[in-house]
């Protein structure tokens, strides 16, 4: 099974109207469909089969469509603007009882593919970015950015191994230079069902967010049946944990040799390693830090992915 790299379309950092969001999704879906058609029937689909330039072009196409139909908004690099509220979902399915062990009284619930909730500097996002071509149901329940879960149902009957959703929590940044930080770390805890195909991971955008010239950096903490795209080029250690480093164009994945479901990750050490390796410029900037689960399959049955104790700390 091949991991499908970097085609996720992250949440825009500027508010847009609901109609604009719908238009952007339709354009992005069309672009992805064209890419699959060009790849040919024998090619790997979704993330593994997409060239980095083609992925970025699809995302820029969606963003351009949104900006051409929306009223003026602050520049993308303005400090953490509050996103527009998502439409309320229509009667989301009740979560399995076991989920109540974590988030007992959700403050936000959505089944919308682009549903999300801003709370302080964090944003909890349902992000069903590649679900339209498949049979996928997913509902997100959030008590806070550090206490939320998603109930998802999907399969890999097509055999293409496509990542379909990435429910996540993230923090946006106004593109500060990595060199300006003394520390960047993140703490997380998660509980996943150990069925189907998925991985829990950080997804970090440098030098812009899903834009031309940006780099997507993932840190896989808990892998269940996934294989990264690209080539395994290095082995590194940070804070006593070892990782294999995979690279495919502007996509880099640090895959933990041993799964861990909670801990603190020194992200600045990873960024500095990338700069020293020459994979990103010394002048690189920070755009977004996400943590969540990339989902390929739950074997066709509802599965719960829970997330607690998330935070990002910088100085």
Foldseek 3Di string as FASTA:
>chain_A
DADADDLFQDDQQWAADPVLVVQLLVQLQVLQVVQVVVLDPVAQHARQRDALVSSLVSNVRSVVSSVVPTDDIDDSLDARDDYDADPAADPADDDPPVLCVFPVDFPHKHFDCFHWDDDPQKIWGFNQSAPPVFDKTKMKGHNDLQWIKMKIFGACVVVSLHQGGWGKMKGWHSFDFLVVWPFKKKWKAKDWDLAHFKFWKKWWWKPDRSHVPIAIEIETQGGRHYHYHADFDDWDDDPHWIFTWGDRQRYIYTYTPDHDRTDMDGVSVVVVVCCVVVVHPSRMTTTMIITGMRDRHRNRDIIMMIMHDIDMDID
